[in-house]
Amino acid sequence: MHARVSFYENGSEEAISGFEQVAGQIRQMEGNQGAMLLVDRQSWKAITITLWDSEDTMQRSAEQAKAMRDQVVSQAGLTAGELQNYEVAVDAR
């Protein structure tokens, strides 16, 4: 399994709503194994983590994921930070 991790700043309740709106689209993407939004409501920093069944499906989803990320960032006034890809070495779910 692989994970795409994105970092954001200057979040708000509007940003949470924006991510909720695209959650269904993320779930429908080939190879998606889940997604989550982590938020620190005091600093309004946020992290999204999307999980993929393989590195290949994660890479194939990159363009569509970027379009969704850009949409939410634009609508919610977020500042997008670093984007990183990881291999999931241990899954303790």
PDB file of N, CA and C in Angstrom:
ATOM      1  N   MET A   1       0.856  -1.171   0.000  1.00  0.00           N
ATOM      2  CA  MET A   1       0.000   0.000   0.000  1.00  0.00           C
ATOM      3  C   MET A   1       0.903   1.235   0.000  1.00  0.00           C
ATOM      4  N   HIS A   2       0.382   2.315  -0.581  1.00  0.00           N
ATOM      5  CA  HIS A   2       1.110   3.578  -0.665  1.00  0.00           C
ATOM      6  C   HIS A   2       0.214   4.723  -0.216  1.00  0.00           C
ATOM      7  N   ALA A   3       0.843   5.817   0.212  1.00  0.00           N
ATOM      8  CA  ALA A   3       0.093   6.969   0.719  1.00  0.00           C
ATOM      9  C   ALA A   3       0.610   8.250   0.096  1.00  0.00           C
ATOM     10  N   ARG A   4      -0.341   9.122  -0.256  1.00  0.00           N
ATOM     11  CA  ARG A   4      -0.005  10.477  -0.689  1.00  0.00           C
ATOM     12  C   ARG A   4      -0.396  11.389   0.471  1.00  0.00           C
ATOM     13  N   VAL A   5       0.546  12.218   0.915  1.00  0.00           N
ATOM     14  CA  VAL A   5       0.326  13.093   2.071  1.00  0.00           C
ATOM     15  C   VAL A   5       0.511  14.540   1.621  1.00  0.00           C
ATOM     16  N   SER A   6      -0.511  15.360   1.893  1.00  0.00           N
ATOM     17  CA  SER A   6      -0.474  16.780   1.520  1.00  0.00           C
ATOM     18  C   SER A   6      -0.646  17.627   2.771  1.00  0.00           C
ATOM     19  N   PHE A   7       0.078  18.737   2.824  1.00  0.00           N
ATOM     20  CA  PHE A   7       0.053  19.630   3.981  1.00  0.00           C
ATOM     21  C   PHE A   7      -0.565  20.973   3.579  1.00  0.00           C
ATOM     22  N   TYR A   8      -1.335  21.556   4.506  1.00  0.00           N
ATOM     23  CA  TYR A   8      -2.049  22.818   4.241  1.00  0.00           C
ATOM     24  C   TYR A   8      -1.954  23.741   5.447  1.00  0.00           C
ATOM     25  N   GLU A   9      -2.103  25.028   5.188  1.00  0.00           N
ATOM     26  CA  GLU A   9      -2.183  26.032   6.245  1.00  0.00           C
ATOM     27  C   GLU A   9      -3.337  26.968   5.940  1.00  0.00           C
ATOM     28  N   ASN A  10      -3.697  27.763   6.933  1.00  0.00           N
ATOM     29  CA  ASN A  10      -4.768  28.761   6.813  1.00  0.00           C
ATOM     30  C   ASN A  10      -6.118  28.116   6.532  1.00  0.00           C
ATOM     31  N   GLY A  11      -6.364  26.968   7.151  1.00  0.00           N
ATOM     32  CA  GLY A  11      -7.613  26.252   6.972  1.00  0.00           C
ATOM     33  C   GLY A  11      -8.773  26.936   7.679  1.00  0.00           C
ATOM     34  N   SER A  12      -9.946  26.346   7.551  1.00  0.00           N
ATOM     35  CA  SER A  12     -11.164  26.869   8.156  1.00  0.00           C
ATOM     36  C   SER A  12     -12.220  25.778   8.066  1.00  0.00           C
ATOM     37  N   GLU A  13     -13.384  26.064   8.626  1.00  0.00           N
ATOM     38  CA  GLU A  13     -14.500  25.129   8.481  1.00  0.00           C
ATOM     39  C   GLU A  13     -14.852  24.950   7.003  1.00  0.00           C
ATOM     40  N   GLU A  14     -14.668  26.009   6.219  1.00  0.00           N
ATOM     41  CA  GLU A  14     -14.934  25.933   4.779  1.00  0.00           C
ATOM     42  C   GLU A  14     -14.016  24.909   4.103  1.00  0.00           C
ATOM     43  N   ALA A  15     -12.783  24.827   4.567  1.00  0.00           N
ATOM     44  CA  ALA A  15     -11.851  23.845   4.011  1.00  0.00           C
ATOM     45  C   ALA A  15     -12.317  22.426   4.326  1.00  0.00           C
ATOM     46  N   ILE A  16     -12.800  22.221   5.538  1.00  0.00           N
ATOM     47  CA  ILE A  16     -13.315  20.900   5.905  1.00  0.00           C
ATOM     48  C   ILE A  16     -14.483  20.534   4.999  1.00  0.00           C
ATOM     49  N   SER A  17     -15.386  21.466   4.779  1.00  0.00           N
ATOM     50  CA  SER A  17     -16.524  21.221   3.888  1.00  0.00           C
ATOM     51  C   SER A  17     -16.056  20.903   2.472  1.00  0.00           C
ATOM     52  N   GLY A  18     -15.040  21.602   2.023  1.00  0.00           N
ATOM     53  CA  GLY A  18     -14.515  21.358   0.679  1.00  0.00           C
ATOM     54  C   GLY A  18     -13.967  19.961   0.524  1.00  0.00           C
ATOM     55  N   PHE A  19     -13.234  19.501   1.536  1.00  0.00           N
ATOM     56  CA  PHE A  19     -12.705  18.137   1.467  1.00  0.00           C
ATOM     57  C   PHE A  19     -13.824  17.112   1.555  1.00  0.00           C
ATOM     58  N   GLU A  20     -14.862  17.397   2.344  1.00  0.00           N
ATOM     59  CA  GLU A  20     -16.015  16.492   2.414  1.00  0.00           C
ATOM     60  C   GLU A  20     -16.676  16.361   1.042  1.00  0.00           C
ATOM     61  N   GLN A  21     -16.715  17.450   0.291  1.00  0.00           N
ATOM     62  CA  GLN A  21     -17.356  17.436  -1.023  1.00  0.00           C
ATOM     63  C   GLN A  21     -16.615  16.559  -2.027  1.00  0.00           C
ATOM     64  N   VAL A  22     -15.291  16.477  -1.933  1.00  0.00           N
ATOM     65  CA  VAL A  22     -14.531  15.665  -2.889  1.00  0.00           C
ATOM     66  C   VAL A  22     -14.272  14.247  -2.384  1.00  0.00           C
ATOM     67  N   ALA A  23     -14.649  13.954  -1.144  1.00  0.00           N
ATOM     68  CA  ALA A  23     -14.382  12.629  -0.567  1.00  0.00           C
ATOM     69  C   ALA A  23     -14.987  11.510  -1.410  1.00  0.00           C
ATOM     70  N   GLY A  24     -16.191  11.706  -1.888  1.00  0.00           N
ATOM     71  CA  GLY A  24     -16.828  10.681  -2.716  1.00  0.00           C
ATOM     72  C   GLY A  24     -16.069  10.426  -4.008  1.00  0.00           C
ATOM     73  N   GLN A  25     -15.558  11.478  -4.608  1.00  0.00           N
ATOM     74  CA  GLN A  25     -14.771  11.333  -5.837  1.00  0.00           C
ATOM     75  C   GLN A  25     -13.484  10.570  -5.566  1.00  0.00           C
ATOM     76  N   ILE A  26     -12.878  10.845  -4.416  1.00  0.00           N
ATOM     77  CA  ILE A  26     -11.640  10.143  -4.054  1.00  0.00           C
ATOM     78  C   ILE A  26     -11.914   8.655  -3.899  1.00  0.00           C
ATOM     79  N   ARG A  27     -12.998   8.315  -3.191  1.00  0.00           N
ATOM     80  CA  ARG A  27     -13.342   6.901  -2.974  1.00  0.00           C
ATOM     81  C   ARG A  27     -13.567   6.162  -4.286  1.00  0.00           C
ATOM     82  N   GLN A  28     -14.022   6.859  -5.312  1.00  0.00           N
ATOM     83  CA  GLN A  28     -14.314   6.234  -6.608  1.00  0.00           C
ATOM     84  C   GLN A  28     -13.071   6.043  -7.479  1.00  0.00           C
ATOM     85  N   MET A  29     -11.963   6.634  -7.096  1.00  0.00           N
ATOM     86  CA  MET A  29     -10.759   6.547  -7.916  1.00  0.00           C
ATOM     87  C   MET A  29     -10.174   5.138  -7.851  1.00  0.00           C
ATOM     88  N   GLU A  30      -9.704   4.669  -8.989  1.00  0.00           N
ATOM     89  CA  GLU A  30      -9.120   3.334  -9.077  1.00  0.00           C
ATOM     90  C   GLU A  30      -8.002   3.159  -8.053  1.00  0.00           C
ATOM     91  N   GLY A  31      -8.061   2.097  -7.291  1.00  0.00           N
ATOM     92  CA  GLY A  31      -7.006   1.756  -6.344  1.00  0.00           C
ATOM     93  C   GLY A  31      -7.073   2.466  -5.010  1.00  0.00           C
ATOM     94  N   ASN A  32      -8.043   3.359  -4.828  1.00  0.00           N
ATOM     95  CA  ASN A  32      -8.114   4.081  -3.551  1.00  0.00           C
ATOM     96  C   ASN A  32      -8.521   3.141  -2.432  1.00  0.00           C
ATOM     97  N   GLN A  33      -7.801   3.233  -1.329  1.00  0.00           N
ATOM     98  CA  GLN A  33      -8.049   2.394  -0.158  1.00  0.00           C
ATOM     99  C   GLN A  33      -8.504   3.207   1.044  1.00  0.00           C
ATOM    100  N   GLY A  34      -8.747   4.491   0.858  1.00  0.00           N
ATOM    101  CA  GLY A  34      -9.219   5.343   1.942  1.00  0.00           C
ATOM    102  C   GLY A  34      -8.568   6.716   1.882  1.00  0.00           C
ATOM    103  N   ALA A  35      -9.169   7.629   2.631  1.00  0.00           N
ATOM    104  CA  ALA A  35      -8.649   8.996   2.689  1.00  0.00           C
ATOM    105  C   ALA A  35      -9.039   9.605   4.018  1.00  0.00           C
ATOM    106  N   MET A  36      -8.211  10.507   4.512  1.00  0.00           N
ATOM    107  CA  MET A  36      -8.541  11.196   5.754  1.00  0.00           C
ATOM    108  C   MET A  36      -8.001  12.612   5.729  1.00  0.00           C
ATOM    109  N   LEU A  37      -8.680  13.459   6.486  1.00  0.00           N
ATOM    110  CA  LEU A  37      -8.266  14.848   6.674  1.00  0.00           C
ATOM    111  C   LEU A  37      -7.982  15.019   8.153  1.00  0.00           C
ATOM    112  N   LEU A  38      -6.789  15.445   8.489  1.00  0.00           N
ATOM    113  CA  LEU A  38      -6.394  15.735   9.866  1.00  0.00           C
ATOM    114  C   LEU A  38      -6.330  17.246  10.027  1.00  0.00           C
ATOM    115  N   VAL A  39      -6.925  17.781  11.095  1.00  0.00           N
ATOM    116  CA  VAL A  39      -6.995  19.228  11.282  1.00  0.00           C
ATOM    117  C   VAL A  39      -6.603  19.599  12.702  1.00  0.00           C
ATOM    118  N   ASP A  40      -5.777  20.625  12.833  1.00  0.00           N
ATOM    119  CA  ASP A  40      -5.510  21.279  14.112  1.00  0.00           C
ATOM    120  C   ASP A  40      -6.330  22.562  14.093  1.00  0.00           C
ATOM    121  N   ARG A  41      -7.434  22.570  14.810  1.00  0.00           N
ATOM    122  CA  ARG A  41      -8.357  23.706  14.752  1.00  0.00           C
ATOM    123  C   ARG A  41      -7.802  24.961  15.436  1.00  0.00           C
ATOM    124  N   GLN A  42      -6.755  24.828  16.231  1.00  0.00           N
ATOM    125  CA  GLN A  42      -6.163  26.023  16.840  1.00  0.00           C
ATOM    126  C   GLN A  42      -5.280  26.762  15.848  1.00  0.00           C
ATOM    127  N   SER A  43      -4.445  26.035  15.135  1.00  0.00           N
ATOM    128  CA  SER A  43      -3.545  26.677  14.158  1.00  0.00           C
ATOM    129  C   SER A  43      -4.134  26.657  12.746  1.00  0.00           C
ATOM    130  N   TRP A  44      -5.161  25.877  12.541  1.00  0.00           N
ATOM    131  CA  TRP A  44      -5.778  25.639  11.236  1.00  0.00           C
ATOM    132  C   TRP A  44      -4.776  25.109  10.223  1.00  0.00           C
ATOM    133  N   LYS A  45      -3.876  24.266  10.710  1.00  0.00           N
ATOM    134  CA  LYS A  45      -3.031  23.485   9.807  1.00  0.00           C
ATOM    135  C   LYS A  45      -3.757  22.178   9.557  1.00  0.00           C
ATOM    136  N   ALA A  46      -3.554  21.615   8.371  1.00  0.00           N
ATOM    137  CA  ALA A  46      -4.251  20.384   8.016  1.00  0.00           C
ATOM    138  C   ALA A  46      -3.344  19.482   7.192  1.00  0.00           C
ATOM    139  N   ILE A  47      -3.675  18.201   7.230  1.00  0.00           N
ATOM    140  CA  ILE A  47      -2.959  17.180   6.465  1.00  0.00           C
ATOM    141  C   ILE A  47      -4.006  16.266   5.841  1.00  0.00           C
ATOM    142  N   THR A  48      -3.842  15.962   4.568  1.00  0.00           N
ATOM    143  CA  THR A  48      -4.660  14.914   3.965  1.00  0.00           C
ATOM    144  C   THR A  48      -3.773  13.714   3.685  1.00  0.00           C
ATOM    145  N   ILE A  49      -4.353  12.546   3.879  1.00  0.00           N
ATOM    146  CA  ILE A  49      -3.665  11.293   3.584  1.00  0.00           C
ATOM    147  C   ILE A  49      -4.607  10.457   2.730  1.00  0.00           C
ATOM    148  N   THR A  50      -4.160  10.088   1.550  1.00  0.00           N
ATOM    149  CA  THR A  50      -4.927   9.164   0.723  1.00  0.00           C
ATOM    150  C   THR A  50      -4.116   7.883   0.587  1.00  0.00           C
ATOM    151  N   LEU A  51      -4.800   6.763   0.669  1.00  0.00           N
ATOM    152  CA  LEU A  51      -4.158   5.455   0.609  1.00  0.00           C
ATOM    153  C   LEU A  51      -4.487   4.769  -0.711  1.00  0.00           C
ATOM    154  N   TRP A  52      -3.480   4.095  -1.266  1.00  0.00           N
ATOM    155  CA  TRP A  52      -3.600   3.478  -2.590  1.00  0.00           C
ATOM    156  C   TRP A  52      -3.103   2.049  -2.547  1.00  0.00           C
ATOM    157  N   ASP A  53      -3.722   1.175  -3.340  1.00  0.00           N
ATOM    158  CA  ASP A  53      -3.355  -0.236  -3.309  1.00  0.00           C
ATOM    159  C   ASP A  53      -1.971  -0.512  -3.887  1.00  0.00           C
ATOM    160  N   SER A  54      -1.454   0.421  -4.694  1.00  0.00           N
ATOM    161  CA  SER A  54      -0.113   0.243  -5.254  1.00  0.00           C
ATOM    162  C   SER A  54       0.486   1.594  -5.608  1.00  0.00           C
ATOM    163  N   GLU A  55       1.782   1.604  -5.786  1.00  0.00           N
ATOM    164  CA  GLU A  55       2.442   2.839  -6.210  1.00  0.00           C
ATOM    165  C   GLU A  55       1.948   3.254  -7.596  1.00  0.00           C
ATOM    166  N   ASP A  56       1.685   2.276  -8.443  1.00  0.00           N
ATOM    167  CA  ASP A  56       1.219   2.552  -9.800  1.00  0.00           C
ATOM    168  C   ASP A  56      -0.128   3.282  -9.787  1.00  0.00           C
ATOM    169  N   THR A  57      -1.101   2.791  -9.019  1.00  0.00           N
ATOM    170  CA  THR A  57      -2.400   3.466  -8.998  1.00  0.00           C
ATOM    171  C   THR A  57      -2.293   4.840  -8.341  1.00  0.00           C
ATOM    172  N   MET A  58      -1.398   4.965  -7.365  1.00  0.00           N
ATOM    173  CA  MET A  58      -1.195   6.275  -6.744  1.00  0.00           C
ATOM    174  C   MET A  58      -0.663   7.265  -7.790  1.00  0.00           C
ATOM    175  N   GLN A  59       0.309   6.828  -8.578  1.00  0.00           N
ATOM    176  CA  GLN A  59       0.883   7.704  -9.599  1.00  0.00           C
ATOM    177  C   GLN A  59      -0.137   8.040 -10.681  1.00  0.00           C
ATOM    178  N   ARG A  60      -0.956   7.056 -11.086  1.00  0.00           N
ATOM    179  CA  ARG A  60      -1.965   7.311 -12.116  1.00  0.00           C
ATOM    180  C   ARG A  60      -3.045   8.273 -11.629  1.00  0.00           C
ATOM    181  N   SER A  61      -3.255   8.349 -10.326  1.00  0.00           N
ATOM    182  CA  SER A  61      -4.285   9.241  -9.780  1.00  0.00           C
ATOM    183  C   SER A  61      -3.764  10.662  -9.563  1.00  0.00           C
ATOM    184  N   ALA A  62      -2.481  10.887  -9.747  1.00  0.00           N
ATOM    185  CA  ALA A  62      -1.855  12.158  -9.366  1.00  0.00           C
ATOM    186  C   ALA A  62      -2.484  13.380 -10.043  1.00  0.00           C
ATOM    187  N   GLU A  63      -2.753  13.288 -11.318  1.00  0.00           N
ATOM    188  CA  GLU A  63      -3.303  14.452 -12.037  1.00  0.00           C
ATOM    189  C   GLU A  63      -4.721  14.783 -11.549  1.00  0.00           C
ATOM    190  N   GLN A  64      -5.556  13.760 -11.409  1.00  0.00           N
ATOM    191  CA  GLN A  64      -6.921  13.976 -10.926  1.00  0.00           C
ATOM    192  C   GLN A  64      -6.905  14.477  -9.475  1.00  0.00           C
ATOM    193  N   ALA A  65      -6.022  13.922  -8.660  1.00  0.00           N
ATOM    194  CA  ALA A  65      -5.912  14.350  -7.255  1.00  0.00           C
ATOM    195  C   ALA A  65      -5.462  15.810  -7.179  1.00  0.00           C
ATOM    196  N   LYS A  66      -4.533  16.202  -8.046  1.00  0.00           N
ATOM    197  CA  LYS A  66      -4.070  17.589  -8.048  1.00  0.00           C
ATOM    198  C   LYS A  66      -5.216  18.539  -8.396  1.00  0.00           C
ATOM    199  N   ALA A  67      -6.041  18.167  -9.361  1.00  0.00           N
ATOM    200  CA  ALA A  67      -7.174  19.012  -9.746  1.00  0.00           C
ATOM    201  C   ALA A  67      -8.147  19.179  -8.577  1.00  0.00           C
ATOM    202  N   MET A  68      -8.421  18.098  -7.853  1.00  0.00           N
ATOM    203  CA  MET A  68      -9.315  18.194  -6.689  1.00  0.00           C
ATOM    204  C   MET A  68      -8.695  19.044  -5.589  1.00  0.00           C
ATOM    205  N   ARG A  69      -7.404  18.845  -5.357  1.00  0.00           N
ATOM    206  CA  ARG A  69      -6.689  19.617  -4.336  1.00  0.00           C
ATOM    207  C   ARG A  69      -6.710  21.099  -4.688  1.00  0.00           C
ATOM    208  N   ASP A  70      -6.433  21.424  -5.941  1.00  0.00           N
ATOM    209  CA  ASP A  70      -6.435  22.819  -6.381  1.00  0.00           C
ATOM    210  C   ASP A  70      -7.818  23.448  -6.219  1.00  0.00           C
ATOM    211  N   GLN A  71      -8.863  22.680  -6.508  1.00  0.00           N
ATOM    212  CA  GLN A  71     -10.236  23.170  -6.374  1.00  0.00           C
ATOM    213  C   GLN A  71     -10.537  23.542  -4.922  1.00  0.00           C
ATOM    214  N   VAL A  72     -10.212  22.649  -4.001  1.00  0.00           N
ATOM    215  CA  VAL A  72     -10.492  22.911  -2.583  1.00  0.00           C
ATOM    216  C   VAL A  72      -9.643  24.069  -2.075  1.00  0.00           C
ATOM    217  N   VAL A  73      -8.375  24.111  -2.450  1.00  0.00           N
ATOM    218  CA  VAL A  73      -7.486  25.191  -2.032  1.00  0.00           C
ATOM    219  C   VAL A  73      -8.029  26.533  -2.496  1.00  0.00           C
ATOM    220  N   SER A  74      -8.459  26.598  -3.744  1.00  0.00           N
ATOM    221  CA  SER A  74      -8.972  27.840  -4.307  1.00  0.00           C
ATOM    222  C   SER A  74     -10.266  28.279  -3.625  1.00  0.00           C
ATOM    223  N   GLN A  75     -11.187  27.361  -3.459  1.00  0.00           N
ATOM    224  CA  GLN A  75     -12.486  27.701  -2.873  1.00  0.00           C
ATOM    225  C   GLN A  75     -12.388  28.078  -1.404  1.00  0.00           C
ATOM    226  N   ALA A  76     -11.481  27.431  -0.663  1.00  0.00           N
ATOM    227  CA  ALA A  76     -11.423  27.615   0.792  1.00  0.00           C
ATOM    228  C   ALA A  76     -10.344  28.606   1.222  1.00  0.00           C
ATOM    229  N   GLY A  77      -9.548  29.106   0.281  1.00  0.00           N
ATOM    230  CA  GLY A  77      -8.501  30.048   0.640  1.00  0.00           C
ATOM    231  C   GLY A  77      -7.351  29.422   1.410  1.00  0.00           C
ATOM    232  N   LEU A  78      -7.126  28.136   1.193  1.00  0.00           N
ATOM    233  CA  LEU A  78      -6.029  27.434   1.857  1.00  0.00           C
ATOM    234  C   LEU A  78      -4.687  27.784   1.229  1.00  0.00           C
ATOM    235  N   THR A  79      -3.632  27.549   1.970  1.00  0.00           N
ATOM    236  CA  THR A  79      -2.284  27.598   1.433  1.00  0.00           C
ATOM    237  C   THR A  79      -1.799  26.158   1.355  1.00  0.00           C
ATOM    238  N   ALA A  80      -1.532  25.682   0.144  1.00  0.00           N
ATOM    239  CA  ALA A  80      -1.055  24.313  -0.034  1.00  0.00           C
ATOM    240  C   ALA A  80       0.438  24.271   0.210  1.00  0.00           C
ATOM    241  N   GLY A  81       0.854  23.283   0.962  1.00  0.00           N
ATOM    242  CA  GLY A  81       2.279  23.104   1.253  1.00  0.00           C
ATOM    243  C   GLY A  81       2.822  21.891   0.523  1.00  0.00           C
ATOM    244  N   GLU A  82       3.708  21.223   1.174  1.00  0.00           N
ATOM    245  CA  GLU A  82       4.429  20.092   0.611  1.00  0.00           C
ATOM    246  C   GLU A  82       3.496  18.919   0.297  1.00  0.00           C
ATOM    247  N   LEU A  83       3.847  18.158  -0.717  1.00  0.00           N
ATOM    248  CA  LEU A  83       3.161  16.936  -1.109  1.00  0.00           C
ATOM    249  C   LEU A  83       4.201  15.831  -1.123  1.00  0.00           C
ATOM    250  N   GLN A  84       3.927  14.733  -0.422  1.00  0.00           N
ATOM    251  CA  GLN A  84       4.895  13.642  -0.341  1.00  0.00           C
ATOM    252  C   GLN A  84       4.204  12.306  -0.561  1.00  0.00           C
ATOM    253  N   ASN A  85       4.945  11.360  -1.124  1.00  0.00           N
ATOM    254  CA  ASN A  85       4.456   9.998  -1.319  1.00  0.00           C
ATOM    255  C   ASN A  85       5.267   9.051  -0.444  1.00  0.00           C
ATOM    256  N   TYR A  86       4.568   8.070   0.123  1.00  0.00           N
ATOM    257  CA  TYR A  86       5.201   7.110   1.020  1.00  0.00           C
ATOM    258  C   TYR A  86       4.728   5.699   0.714  1.00  0.00           C
ATOM    259  N   GLU A  87       5.550   4.732   1.048  1.00  0.00           N
ATOM    260  CA  GLU A  87       5.108   3.349   1.112  1.00  0.00           C
ATOM    261  C   GLU A  87       4.615   3.105   2.527  1.00  0.00           C
ATOM    262  N   VAL A  88       3.468   2.449   2.674  1.00  0.00           N
ATOM    263  CA  VAL A  88       2.959   2.112   3.996  1.00  0.00           C
ATOM    264  C   VAL A  88       3.670   0.834   4.435  1.00  0.00           C
ATOM    265  N   ALA A  89       4.562   0.957   5.417  1.00  0.00           N
ATOM    266  CA  ALA A  89       5.355  -0.180   5.864  1.00  0.00           C
ATOM    267  C   ALA A  89       4.588  -1.047   6.864  1.00  0.00           C
ATOM    268  N   VAL A  90       3.744  -0.426   7.700  1.00  0.00           N
ATOM    269  CA  VAL A  90       2.953  -1.159   8.689  1.00  0.00           C
ATOM    270  C   VAL A  90       1.557  -0.559   8.687  1.00  0.00           C
ATOM    271  N   ASP A  91       0.553  -1.410   8.607  1.00  0.00           N
ATOM    272  CA  ASP A  91      -0.848  -0.980   8.668  1.00  0.00           C
ATOM    273  C   ASP A  91      -1.464  -1.642   9.881  1.00  0.00           C
ATOM    274  N   ALA A  92      -1.737  -0.874  10.928  1.00  0.00           N
ATOM    275  CA  ALA A  92      -2.236  -1.423  12.192  1.00  0.00           C
ATOM    276  C   ALA A  92      -3.746  -1.198  12.357  1.00  0.00           C
ATOM    277  N   ARG A  93      -4.460  -1.008  11.256  1.00  0.00           N
ATOM    278  CA  ARG A  93      -5.918  -0.793  11.372  1.00  0.00           C
ATOM    279  C   ARG A  93      -6.605  -2.026  11.839  1.00  0.00           C
TER     280      ARG A  93
END
